[in-house]
Amino acid sequence: MRPKSLYAGLCVIGLVLPYSQFLPFVREHGLDLRLLIQDLLATRASAFFALDVLVSSLVLVVFLRVDSRRLGLKGRWAPILALLTVGVSLGLPLYLYMREMHLEQKSAPDTA
């Protein structure tokens, strides 16, 4: 399987799995951010995962900015939007997919 296809599949998984838990919460409680954070930090185990994802998100934003500038990648806002609306599970594979597409286009011989 080509990396681009793998990253595209991981984008789908990275969207579907988190939202399979978030949407029922929203249906039941609405966008109650106080309750969401309270539930998120309810135990040390859940706080561990929450803080890990928070740090991973920060690292991803730094990586996106540095790597996309170095490569001259356009549309770097899309993975950041995915990160803010879904999370690392979508933002990272989306960026890797976009990166693969960019590298393929750069290495493809000109047909002009």
C-alpha atoms as a PDB file:
ATOM      1  CA  MET A   1       0.000   0.000   0.000  1.00  0.00           C
ATOM      2  CA  ARG A   2       1.300   3.422  -0.936  1.00  0.00           C
ATOM      3  CA  PRO A   3       1.878   5.861   1.919  1.00  0.00           C
ATOM      4  CA  LYS A   4      -0.579   8.361   0.403  1.00  0.00           C
ATOM      5  CA  SER A   5      -3.375   5.765   0.463  1.00  0.00           C
ATOM      6  CA  LEU A   6      -2.474   4.719   3.993  1.00  0.00           C
ATOM      7  CA  TYR A   7      -2.587   8.336   5.198  1.00  0.00           C
ATOM      8  CA  ALA A   8      -5.959   8.878   3.492  1.00  0.00           C
ATOM      9  CA  GLY A   9      -7.353   5.813   5.278  1.00  0.00           C
ATOM     10  CA  LEU A  10      -5.928   7.025   8.576  1.00  0.00           C
ATOM     11  CA  CYS A  11      -7.683  10.371   8.020  1.00  0.00           C
ATOM     12  CA  VAL A  12     -11.009   8.545   7.842  1.00  0.00           C
ATOM     13  CA  ILE A  13     -10.255   6.533  10.980  1.00  0.00           C
ATOM     14  CA  GLY A  14      -8.956   9.691  12.706  1.00  0.00           C
ATOM     15  CA  LEU A  15     -12.264  11.420  12.019  1.00  0.00           C
ATOM     16  CA  VAL A  16     -14.716   8.581  12.651  1.00  0.00           C
ATOM     17  CA  LEU A  17     -13.352   7.146  15.916  1.00  0.00           C
ATOM     18  CA  PRO A  18     -13.100  10.374  17.952  1.00  0.00           C
ATOM     19  CA  TYR A  19     -16.441  11.663  16.700  1.00  0.00           C
ATOM     20  CA  SER A  20     -18.094   8.320  17.496  1.00  0.00           C
ATOM     21  CA  GLN A  21     -17.587   9.319  21.131  1.00  0.00           C
ATOM     22  CA  PHE A  22     -17.933  13.092  20.868  1.00  0.00           C
ATOM     23  CA  LEU A  23     -21.223  13.279  18.964  1.00  0.00           C
ATOM     24  CA  PRO A  24     -23.195  11.188  21.519  1.00  0.00           C
ATOM     25  CA  PHE A  25     -21.796  13.459  24.260  1.00  0.00           C
ATOM     26  CA  VAL A  26     -22.983  16.545  22.356  1.00  0.00           C
ATOM     27  CA  ARG A  27     -26.403  14.980  21.721  1.00  0.00           C
ATOM     28  CA  GLU A  28     -26.790  14.247  25.424  1.00  0.00           C
ATOM     29  CA  HIS A  29     -25.244  17.392  26.961  1.00  0.00           C
ATOM     30  CA  GLY A  30     -24.893  19.943  24.164  1.00  0.00           C
ATOM     31  CA  LEU A  31     -21.604  21.822  23.895  1.00  0.00           C
ATOM     32  CA  ASP A  32     -21.126  21.984  27.655  1.00  0.00           C
ATOM     33  CA  LEU A  33     -17.383  22.731  27.727  1.00  0.00           C
ATOM     34  CA  ARG A  34     -17.278  22.778  31.518  1.00  0.00           C
ATOM     35  CA  LEU A  35     -18.691  19.243  31.690  1.00  0.00           C
ATOM     36  CA  LEU A  36     -16.455  18.088  28.842  1.00  0.00           C
ATOM     37  CA  ILE A  37     -13.317  19.282  30.642  1.00  0.00           C
ATOM     38  CA  GLN A  38     -14.580  17.931  33.954  1.00  0.00           C
ATOM     39  CA  ASP A  39     -15.141  14.488  32.383  1.00  0.00           C
ATOM     40  CA  LEU A  40     -11.826  14.695  30.556  1.00  0.00           C
ATOM     41  CA  LEU A  41      -9.933  15.325  33.785  1.00  0.00           C
ATOM     42  CA  ALA A  42     -12.070  13.070  36.000  1.00  0.00           C
ATOM     43  CA  THR A  43      -9.281  10.572  36.687  1.00  0.00           C
ATOM     44  CA  ARG A  44      -5.508  10.654  36.625  1.00  0.00           C
ATOM     45  CA  ALA A  45      -5.568   8.179  33.737  1.00  0.00           C
ATOM     46  CA  SER A  46      -7.872  10.336  31.612  1.00  0.00           C
ATOM     47  CA  ALA A  47      -5.881  13.476  32.549  1.00  0.00           C
ATOM     48  CA  PHE A  48      -2.699  11.671  31.461  1.00  0.00           C
ATOM     49  CA  PHE A  49      -4.196  11.021  28.018  1.00  0.00           C
ATOM     50  CA  ALA A  50      -5.627  14.538  27.761  1.00  0.00           C
ATOM     51  CA  LEU A  51      -2.304  16.175  28.584  1.00  0.00           C
ATOM     52  CA  ASP A  52      -0.460  13.825  26.225  1.00  0.00           C
ATOM     53  CA  VAL A  53      -2.779  14.837  23.380  1.00  0.00           C
ATOM     54  CA  LEU A  54      -2.410  18.515  24.284  1.00  0.00           C
ATOM     55  CA  VAL A  55       1.396  18.314  24.118  1.00  0.00           C
ATOM     56  CA  SER A  56       1.200  16.253  20.904  1.00  0.00           C
ATOM     57  CA  SER A  57      -1.027  18.950  19.402  1.00  0.00           C
ATOM     58  CA  LEU A  58       1.518  21.629  20.212  1.00  0.00           C
ATOM     59  CA  VAL A  59       4.326  19.544  18.720  1.00  0.00           C
ATOM     60  CA  LEU A  60       2.244  18.959  15.595  1.00  0.00           C
ATOM     61  CA  VAL A  61       1.612  22.691  15.091  1.00  0.00           C
ATOM     62  CA  VAL A  62       5.343  23.419  15.389  1.00  0.00           C
ATOM     63  CA  PHE A  63       6.178  20.574  12.997  1.00  0.00           C
ATOM     64  CA  LEU A  64       3.540  21.702  10.489  1.00  0.00           C
ATOM     65  CA  ARG A  65       4.860  25.237  10.439  1.00  0.00           C
ATOM     66  CA  VAL A  66       8.523  24.262  10.103  1.00  0.00           C
ATOM     67  CA  ASP A  67       8.112  21.407   7.627  1.00  0.00           C
ATOM     68  CA  SER A  68       5.513  23.062   5.394  1.00  0.00           C
ATOM     69  CA  ARG A  69       7.639  26.211   5.075  1.00  0.00           C
ATOM     70  CA  ARG A  70      10.729  24.174   4.256  1.00  0.00           C
ATOM     71  CA  LEU A  71       8.855  22.243   1.547  1.00  0.00           C
ATOM     72  CA  GLY A  72       6.880  25.227   0.241  1.00  0.00           C
ATOM     73  CA  LEU A  73       3.644  23.330   0.919  1.00  0.00           C
ATOM     74  CA  LYS A  74       0.462  25.259   0.264  1.00  0.00           C
ATOM     75  CA  GLY A  75      -2.731  24.907   2.313  1.00  0.00           C
ATOM     76  CA  ARG A  76      -1.054  24.270   5.645  1.00  0.00           C
ATOM     77  CA  TRP A  77      -4.116  25.772   7.321  1.00  0.00           C
ATOM     78  CA  ALA A  78      -6.135  22.595   6.557  1.00  0.00           C
ATOM     79  CA  PRO A  79      -4.309  20.266   8.991  1.00  0.00           C
ATOM     80  CA  ILE A  80      -4.428  22.970  11.682  1.00  0.00           C
ATOM     81  CA  LEU A  81      -8.177  23.324  11.149  1.00  0.00           C
ATOM     82  CA  ALA A  82      -8.471  19.514  11.350  1.00  0.00           C
ATOM     83  CA  LEU A  83      -6.439  19.571  14.572  1.00  0.00           C
ATOM     84  CA  LEU A  84      -8.706  22.206  16.116  1.00  0.00           C
ATOM     85  CA  THR A  85     -11.991  20.595  15.047  1.00  0.00           C
ATOM     86  CA  VAL A  86     -11.136  16.901  15.517  1.00  0.00           C
ATOM     87  CA  GLY A  87      -7.650  16.429  16.913  1.00  0.00           C
ATOM     88  CA  VAL A  88      -4.219  14.994  16.251  1.00  0.00           C
ATOM     89  CA  SER A  89      -5.883  11.829  14.919  1.00  0.00           C
ATOM     90  CA  LEU A  90      -6.997  13.769  11.822  1.00  0.00           C
ATOM     91  CA  GLY A  91      -4.521  16.662  11.695  1.00  0.00           C
ATOM     92  CA  LEU A  92      -1.390  14.509  11.505  1.00  0.00           C
ATOM     93  CA  PRO A  93      -2.479  12.014   8.824  1.00  0.00           C
ATOM     94  CA  LEU A  94      -3.995  14.862   6.793  1.00  0.00           C
ATOM     95  CA  TYR A  95      -0.696  16.718   6.834  1.00  0.00           C
ATOM     96  CA  LEU A  96       1.227  13.560   5.936  1.00  0.00           C
ATOM     97  CA  TYR A  97      -1.194  12.934   3.052  1.00  0.00           C
ATOM     98  CA  MET A  98      -0.749  16.511   1.808  1.00  0.00           C
ATOM     99  CA  ARG A  99       3.018  16.177   2.166  1.00  0.00           C
ATOM    100  CA  GLU A 100       3.064  12.974   0.095  1.00  0.00           C
ATOM    101  CA  MET A 101       0.960  14.642  -2.605  1.00  0.00           C
ATOM    102  CA  HIS A 102       3.314  17.624  -2.664  1.00  0.00           C
ATOM    103  CA  LEU A 103       6.421  15.441  -2.870  1.00  0.00           C
ATOM    104  CA  GLU A 104       4.874  13.344  -5.660  1.00  0.00           C
ATOM    105  CA  GLN A 105       4.057  16.466  -7.660  1.00  0.00           C
ATOM    106  CA  LYS A 106       7.553  17.854  -7.134  1.00  0.00           C
ATOM    107  CA  SER A 107       9.236  14.649  -8.265  1.00  0.00           C
ATOM    108  CA  ALA A 108       6.934  14.030 -11.253  1.00  0.00           C
ATOM    109  CA  PRO A 109       8.647  14.876 -14.541  1.00  0.00           C
ATOM    110  CA  ASP A 110       7.218  17.901 -16.327  1.00  0.00           C
ATOM    111  CA  THR A 111       4.980  16.877 -19.219  1.00  0.00           C
ATOM    112  CA  ALA A 112       4.988  20.336 -20.804  1.00  0.00           C
END
